[in-house]
Amino acid sequence: MKAVAWIVAGLVVLGFMVVLIGTERTTAGPAVQGCPACHGVAGKQPALDAAAKAIKGHPASAAKTVQQCALCHTKGPTPAPFRTGMHKIHLNSAKFTAAKGTCTSCHSVDKATGTVTVFGLERK
């Protein structure tokens, strides 16, 4: 529980920093940000379904988008929420760091409202 509080506090601080500093956006828009920028046809890393296949105990999946992954990975505890796995994997990844991955590789922040969203994950 303490770890969750630290993660949430870190994300809140990060959100404020992104809002104050601004996001570094590409001119091509979200198509070159989010999972497809690194995973699948456009990226050098395995597609999401192939990455899921490499996870021990993960059931077979044809999910190709964040939206499809989130169908099962919502509130947890099993399966774990998508954000938990993605943050754990990417924030501890030398490949992500070497590729100059940042929070805005996956997230967009609306400067007017401070709302943080994930590229490819539509809010309902």
N, C-alpha and C. Protein backbone atom coordinates (compact mmCIF):
# COMPACT_ATOMS: atom_id res chain seq x y z
N MET A 1 0.82 -1.19 0.00
CA MET A 1 0.00 0.00 0.00
C MET A 1 0.87 1.27 0.00
N LYS A 2 1.98 1.19 0.75
CA LYS A 2 2.89 2.33 0.82
C LYS A 2 3.50 2.60 -0.55
N ALA A 3 3.83 1.52 -1.27
CA ALA A 3 4.42 1.67 -2.60
C ALA A 3 3.43 2.34 -3.55
N VAL A 4 2.18 1.96 -3.46
CA VAL A 4 1.14 2.54 -4.31
C VAL A 4 1.04 4.05 -4.05
N ALA A 5 1.09 4.42 -2.78
CA ALA A 5 1.01 5.85 -2.43
C ALA A 5 2.19 6.61 -3.02
N TRP A 6 3.38 6.03 -2.97
CA TRP A 6 4.56 6.68 -3.55
C TRP A 6 4.43 6.81 -5.06
N ILE A 7 3.92 5.76 -5.70
CA ILE A 7 3.74 5.80 -7.15
C ILE A 7 2.74 6.89 -7.54
N VAL A 8 1.62 6.93 -6.82
CA VAL A 8 0.59 7.94 -7.11
C VAL A 8 1.17 9.34 -6.88
N ALA A 9 1.88 9.53 -5.77
CA ALA A 9 2.48 10.84 -5.49
C ALA A 9 3.47 11.23 -6.59
N GLY A 10 4.27 10.27 -7.03
CA GLY A 10 5.22 10.53 -8.10
C GLY A 10 4.54 10.93 -9.39
N LEU A 11 3.45 10.23 -9.71
CA LEU A 11 2.72 10.55 -10.95
C LEU A 11 2.07 11.92 -10.87
N VAL A 12 1.58 12.29 -9.70
CA VAL A 12 0.98 13.62 -9.53
C VAL A 12 2.04 14.69 -9.73
N VAL A 13 3.20 14.51 -9.10
CA VAL A 13 4.30 15.48 -9.26
C VAL A 13 4.72 15.54 -10.72
N LEU A 14 4.85 14.37 -11.33
CA LEU A 14 5.23 14.30 -12.74
C LEU A 14 4.21 15.03 -13.61
N GLY A 15 2.95 14.84 -13.33
CA GLY A 15 1.90 15.52 -14.09
C GLY A 15 2.03 17.03 -14.00
N PHE A 16 2.29 17.52 -12.80
CA PHE A 16 2.47 18.97 -12.63
C PHE A 16 3.70 19.45 -13.39
N MET A 17 4.78 18.66 -13.35
CA MET A 17 5.99 19.06 -14.07
C MET A 17 5.73 19.13 -15.57
N VAL A 18 5.01 18.14 -16.09
CA VAL A 18 4.72 18.13 -17.53
C VAL A 18 3.85 19.32 -17.91
N VAL A 19 2.88 19.63 -17.06
CA VAL A 19 2.00 20.77 -17.34
C VAL A 19 2.80 22.07 -17.31
N LEU A 20 3.66 22.22 -16.32
CA LEU A 20 4.43 23.45 -16.21
C LEU A 20 5.49 23.58 -17.29
N ILE A 21 6.17 22.47 -17.58
CA ILE A 21 7.25 22.50 -18.56
C ILE A 21 6.71 22.40 -19.98
N GLY A 22 5.64 21.63 -20.12
CA GLY A 22 5.07 21.39 -21.44
C GLY A 22 5.48 20.03 -21.94
N THR A 23 4.80 19.57 -22.94
CA THR A 23 5.12 18.27 -23.50
C THR A 23 5.87 18.44 -24.79
N GLU A 24 6.75 17.52 -25.04
CA GLU A 24 7.48 17.55 -26.30
C GLU A 24 6.69 16.67 -27.27
N ARG A 25 5.96 17.29 -28.16
CA ARG A 25 5.11 16.56 -29.07
C ARG A 25 5.74 16.51 -30.44
N THR A 26 5.47 15.45 -31.13
CA THR A 26 5.95 15.36 -32.50
C THR A 26 4.94 16.04 -33.41
N THR A 27 5.38 16.44 -34.57
CA THR A 27 4.45 17.09 -35.49
C THR A 27 3.54 16.08 -36.16
N ALA A 28 3.91 14.82 -36.11
CA ALA A 28 3.09 13.80 -36.76
C ALA A 28 1.92 13.36 -35.89
N GLY A 29 1.88 13.77 -34.62
CA GLY A 29 0.77 13.43 -33.75
C GLY A 29 0.92 12.06 -33.11
N PRO A 30 -0.15 11.58 -32.48
CA PRO A 30 -0.11 10.36 -31.70
C PRO A 30 0.31 9.10 -32.46
N ALA A 31 0.24 9.09 -33.77
CA ALA A 31 0.62 7.89 -34.51
C ALA A 31 2.07 7.51 -34.26
N VAL A 32 2.92 8.46 -33.92
CA VAL A 32 4.32 8.15 -33.65
C VAL A 32 4.61 8.18 -32.16
N GLN A 33 3.59 8.28 -31.35
CA GLN A 33 3.72 8.20 -29.92
C GLN A 33 2.86 7.06 -29.43
N GLY A 34 3.03 6.66 -28.21
CA GLY A 34 2.29 5.53 -27.69
C GLY A 34 2.93 4.22 -28.13
N CYS A 35 2.27 3.13 -27.88
CA CYS A 35 2.83 1.79 -28.14
C CYS A 35 3.35 1.58 -29.56
N PRO A 36 2.61 2.00 -30.60
CA PRO A 36 3.09 1.74 -31.97
C PRO A 36 4.42 2.40 -32.31
N ALA A 37 4.81 3.43 -31.58
CA ALA A 37 6.09 4.07 -31.86
C ALA A 37 7.26 3.12 -31.62
N CYS A 38 7.07 2.17 -30.72
CA CYS A 38 8.14 1.21 -30.40
C CYS A 38 7.76 -0.23 -30.70
N HIS A 39 6.48 -0.54 -30.60
CA HIS A 39 6.01 -1.92 -30.73
C HIS A 39 5.23 -2.14 -32.01
N GLY A 40 5.52 -3.24 -32.68
CA GLY A 40 4.77 -3.60 -33.88
C GLY A 40 5.45 -3.13 -35.14
N VAL A 41 4.67 -2.98 -36.17
CA VAL A 41 5.19 -2.65 -37.50
C VAL A 41 6.05 -1.39 -37.50
N ALA A 42 5.59 -0.34 -36.83
CA ALA A 42 6.32 0.93 -36.84
C ALA A 42 7.56 0.91 -35.94
N GLY A 43 7.57 0.03 -34.94
CA GLY A 43 8.67 0.02 -33.98
C GLY A 43 9.54 -1.21 -34.10
N LYS A 44 10.65 -1.19 -33.39
CA LYS A 44 11.59 -2.29 -33.43
C LYS A 44 11.31 -3.35 -32.37
N GLN A 45 10.51 -3.03 -31.38
CA GLN A 45 10.18 -3.97 -30.31
C GLN A 45 9.00 -4.84 -30.75
N PRO A 46 8.81 -5.99 -30.10
CA PRO A 46 7.69 -6.86 -30.47
C PRO A 46 6.33 -6.16 -30.32
N ALA A 47 5.37 -6.57 -31.12
CA ALA A 47 4.01 -6.05 -31.01
C ALA A 47 3.45 -6.45 -29.65
N LEU A 48 2.38 -5.79 -29.22
CA LEU A 48 1.82 -6.05 -27.89
C LEU A 48 1.44 -7.51 -27.69
N ASP A 49 0.85 -8.15 -28.70
CA ASP A 49 0.46 -9.56 -28.54
C ASP A 49 1.69 -10.45 -28.38
N ALA A 50 2.76 -10.14 -29.08
CA ALA A 50 4.01 -10.91 -28.96
C ALA A 50 4.67 -10.64 -27.60
N ALA A 51 4.60 -9.41 -27.14
CA ALA A 51 5.16 -9.08 -25.83
C ALA A 51 4.38 -9.81 -24.73
N ALA A 52 3.06 -9.87 -24.87
CA ALA A 52 2.23 -10.58 -23.88
C ALA A 52 2.56 -12.06 -23.88
N LYS A 53 2.82 -12.61 -25.04
CA LYS A 53 3.15 -14.04 -25.17
C LYS A 53 4.44 -14.36 -24.40
N ALA A 54 5.36 -13.41 -24.31
CA ALA A 54 6.63 -13.62 -23.63
C ALA A 54 6.51 -13.55 -22.10
N ILE A 55 5.36 -13.11 -21.60
CA ILE A 55 5.16 -13.00 -20.15
C ILE A 55 4.71 -14.36 -19.61
N LYS A 56 5.47 -14.87 -18.65
CA LYS A 56 5.18 -16.18 -18.07
C LYS A 56 3.77 -16.19 -17.48
N GLY A 57 2.97 -17.17 -17.90
CA GLY A 57 1.63 -17.33 -17.37
C GLY A 57 0.56 -16.48 -18.03
N HIS A 58 0.95 -15.60 -18.96
CA HIS A 58 -0.05 -14.76 -19.63
C HIS A 58 -0.82 -15.62 -20.63
N PRO A 59 -2.14 -15.56 -20.60
CA PRO A 59 -2.90 -16.35 -21.58
C PRO A 59 -2.69 -15.85 -23.01
N ALA A 60 -2.96 -16.71 -23.97
CA ALA A 60 -2.84 -16.32 -25.38
C ALA A 60 -3.73 -15.11 -25.62
N SER A 61 -3.21 -14.16 -26.38
CA SER A 61 -3.94 -12.92 -26.62
C SER A 61 -3.69 -12.44 -28.04
N ALA A 62 -4.73 -11.90 -28.65
CA ALA A 62 -4.59 -11.31 -29.98
C ALA A 62 -4.62 -9.79 -29.87
N ALA A 63 -4.53 -9.26 -28.64
CA ALA A 63 -4.62 -7.81 -28.42
C ALA A 63 -3.47 -7.10 -29.12
N LYS A 64 -3.82 -6.13 -29.92
CA LYS A 64 -2.82 -5.35 -30.66
C LYS A 64 -2.78 -3.89 -30.21
N THR A 65 -3.75 -3.48 -29.38
CA THR A 65 -3.83 -2.08 -28.96
C THR A 65 -3.95 -1.99 -27.44
N VAL A 66 -3.63 -0.82 -26.91
CA VAL A 66 -3.78 -0.56 -25.48
C VAL A 66 -5.23 -0.76 -25.08
N GLN A 67 -6.15 -0.30 -25.90
CA GLN A 67 -7.58 -0.42 -25.62
C GLN A 67 -7.97 -1.89 -25.45
N GLN A 68 -7.43 -2.76 -26.29
CA GLN A 68 -7.74 -4.18 -26.19
C GLN A 68 -7.11 -4.80 -24.94
N CYS A 69 -5.89 -4.40 -24.59
CA CYS A 69 -5.24 -4.91 -23.38
C CYS A 69 -6.04 -4.49 -22.14
N ALA A 70 -6.53 -3.27 -22.16
CA ALA A 70 -7.25 -2.72 -21.02
C ALA A 70 -8.60 -3.40 -20.78
N LEU A 71 -9.09 -4.16 -21.75
CA LEU A 71 -10.35 -4.88 -21.54
C LEU A 71 -10.24 -5.83 -20.36
N CYS A 72 -9.07 -6.46 -20.20
CA CYS A 72 -8.85 -7.37 -19.07
C CYS A 72 -8.09 -6.69 -17.93
N HIS A 73 -7.15 -5.85 -18.29
CA HIS A 73 -6.30 -5.19 -17.30
C HIS A 73 -6.91 -3.86 -16.88
N THR A 74 -7.87 -3.93 -15.98
CA THR A 74 -8.52 -2.69 -15.54
C THR A 74 -8.21 -2.40 -14.08
N LYS A 75 -8.91 -3.03 -13.15
CA LYS A 75 -8.79 -2.66 -11.75
C LYS A 75 -7.93 -3.62 -10.92
N GLY A 76 -7.70 -4.83 -11.40
CA GLY A 76 -6.89 -5.79 -10.66
C GLY A 76 -7.64 -6.36 -9.47
N PRO A 77 -7.07 -7.11 -8.61
CA PRO A 77 -5.65 -7.38 -8.57
C PRO A 77 -5.20 -8.39 -9.63
N THR A 78 -6.11 -9.22 -10.12
CA THR A 78 -5.72 -10.18 -11.16
C THR A 78 -6.70 -10.07 -12.30
N PRO A 79 -6.26 -9.83 -13.49
CA PRO A 79 -4.89 -9.43 -13.82
C PRO A 79 -4.60 -8.02 -13.33
N ALA A 80 -3.33 -7.73 -13.19
CA ALA A 80 -2.91 -6.41 -12.70
C ALA A 80 -3.36 -5.32 -13.67
N PRO A 81 -3.67 -4.14 -13.14
CA PRO A 81 -4.02 -3.03 -14.03
C PRO A 81 -2.90 -2.78 -15.05
N PHE A 82 -3.28 -2.41 -16.24
CA PHE A 82 -2.32 -2.20 -17.33
C PHE A 82 -1.23 -1.21 -16.93
N ARG A 83 -1.63 -0.12 -16.27
CA ARG A 83 -0.67 0.92 -15.89
C ARG A 83 0.41 0.38 -14.96
N THR A 84 0.05 -0.54 -14.07
CA THR A 84 1.02 -1.10 -13.12
C THR A 84 2.13 -1.82 -13.87
N GLY A 85 1.75 -2.69 -14.78
CA GLY A 85 2.74 -3.44 -15.56
C GLY A 85 3.56 -2.56 -16.47
N MET A 86 2.90 -1.63 -17.13
CA MET A 86 3.61 -0.77 -18.09
C MET A 86 4.62 0.13 -17.40
N HIS A 87 4.23 0.73 -16.26
CA HIS A 87 5.17 1.57 -15.54
C HIS A 87 6.35 0.75 -15.02
N LYS A 88 6.06 -0.42 -14.46
CA LYS A 88 7.12 -1.28 -13.91
C LYS A 88 8.10 -1.70 -15.01
N ILE A 89 7.58 -2.08 -16.16
CA ILE A 89 8.42 -2.53 -17.26
C ILE A 89 9.23 -1.38 -17.87
N HIS A 90 8.56 -0.30 -18.23
CA HIS A 90 9.22 0.77 -18.96
C HIS A 90 10.12 1.66 -18.11
N LEU A 91 9.71 1.93 -16.88
CA LEU A 91 10.52 2.81 -16.04
C LEU A 91 11.78 2.13 -15.52
N ASN A 92 11.86 0.81 -15.65
CA ASN A 92 13.05 0.05 -15.26
C ASN A 92 13.78 -0.51 -16.47
N SER A 93 13.50 0.02 -17.65
CA SER A 93 14.04 -0.53 -18.88
C SER A 93 15.19 0.29 -19.45
N ALA A 94 16.32 -0.35 -19.63
CA ALA A 94 17.46 0.32 -20.27
C ALA A 94 17.14 0.63 -21.73
N LYS A 95 16.35 -0.24 -22.38
CA LYS A 95 15.97 0.00 -23.78
C LYS A 95 15.11 1.26 -23.89
N PHE A 96 14.17 1.42 -22.97
CA PHE A 96 13.28 2.58 -22.98
C PHE A 96 14.10 3.85 -22.77
N THR A 97 15.03 3.80 -21.82
CA THR A 97 15.90 4.95 -21.54
C THR A 97 16.80 5.25 -22.74
N ALA A 98 17.38 4.20 -23.32
CA ALA A 98 18.27 4.38 -24.47
C ALA A 98 17.54 4.97 -25.67
N ALA A 99 16.25 4.64 -25.79
CA ALA A 99 15.44 5.17 -26.89
C ALA A 99 14.90 6.56 -26.57
N LYS A 100 15.39 7.14 -25.46
CA LYS A 100 14.97 8.46 -25.00
C LYS A 100 13.48 8.50 -24.66
N GLY A 101 12.99 7.37 -24.14
CA GLY A 101 11.60 7.31 -23.71
C GLY A 101 11.37 8.19 -22.50
N THR A 102 10.25 8.87 -22.50
CA THR A 102 9.85 9.73 -21.38
C THR A 102 8.38 9.48 -21.10
N CYS A 103 7.87 10.16 -20.10
CA CYS A 103 6.45 10.03 -19.77
C CYS A 103 5.57 10.39 -20.97
N THR A 104 6.00 11.39 -21.74
CA THR A 104 5.20 11.84 -22.87
C THR A 104 5.34 10.93 -24.10
N SER A 105 6.11 9.85 -23.96
CA SER A 105 6.13 8.84 -25.01
C SER A 105 4.80 8.08 -24.99
N CYS A 106 4.20 7.98 -23.82
CA CYS A 106 2.95 7.24 -23.65
C CYS A 106 1.78 8.13 -23.24
N HIS A 107 2.11 9.24 -22.55
CA HIS A 107 1.07 10.08 -21.98
C HIS A 107 1.00 11.45 -22.66
N SER A 108 -0.21 11.98 -22.68
CA SER A 108 -0.45 13.34 -23.15
C SER A 108 -1.07 14.10 -21.98
N VAL A 109 -0.71 15.37 -21.82
CA VAL A 109 -1.28 16.18 -20.75
C VAL A 109 -1.97 17.38 -21.38
N ASP A 110 -3.23 17.55 -21.06
CA ASP A 110 -3.97 18.71 -21.52
C ASP A 110 -3.59 19.88 -20.61
N LYS A 111 -2.88 20.86 -21.15
CA LYS A 111 -2.40 21.97 -20.34
C LYS A 111 -3.53 22.78 -19.72
N ALA A 112 -4.66 22.82 -20.36
CA ALA A 112 -5.78 23.61 -19.85
C ALA A 112 -6.42 22.97 -18.63
N THR A 113 -6.53 21.64 -18.64
CA THR A 113 -7.23 20.95 -17.55
C THR A 113 -6.31 20.14 -16.64
N GLY A 114 -5.10 19.84 -17.12
CA GLY A 114 -4.18 19.01 -16.36
C GLY A 114 -4.50 17.52 -16.49
N THR A 115 -5.44 17.20 -17.36
CA THR A 115 -5.83 15.81 -17.55
C THR A 115 -4.72 15.04 -18.26
N VAL A 116 -4.34 13.92 -17.66
CA VAL A 116 -3.31 13.06 -18.24
C VAL A 116 -4.02 11.89 -18.91
N THR A 117 -3.70 11.64 -20.16
CA THR A 117 -4.29 10.51 -20.88
C THR A 117 -3.18 9.64 -21.45
N VAL A 118 -3.56 8.47 -21.91
CA VAL A 118 -2.63 7.52 -22.52
C VAL A 118 -2.97 7.46 -24.00
N PHE A 119 -1.94 7.60 -24.85
CA PHE A 119 -2.19 7.48 -26.29
C PHE A 119 -2.78 6.11 -26.58
N GLY A 120 -3.89 6.07 -27.28
CA GLY A 120 -4.53 4.82 -27.66
C GLY A 120 -5.55 4.30 -26.66
N LEU A 121 -5.68 4.96 -25.53
CA LEU A 121 -6.64 4.52 -24.52
C LEU A 121 -7.72 5.59 -24.37
N GLU A 122 -8.87 5.30 -24.93
CA GLU A 122 -9.96 6.27 -24.91
C GLU A 122 -10.66 6.23 -23.58
N ARG A 123 -10.95 7.41 -23.04
CA ARG A 123 -11.69 7.50 -21.78
C ARG A 123 -13.17 7.43 -22.07
N LYS A 124 -13.89 6.75 -21.19
CA LYS A 124 -15.34 6.63 -21.35
C LYS A 124 -16.06 7.25 -20.21
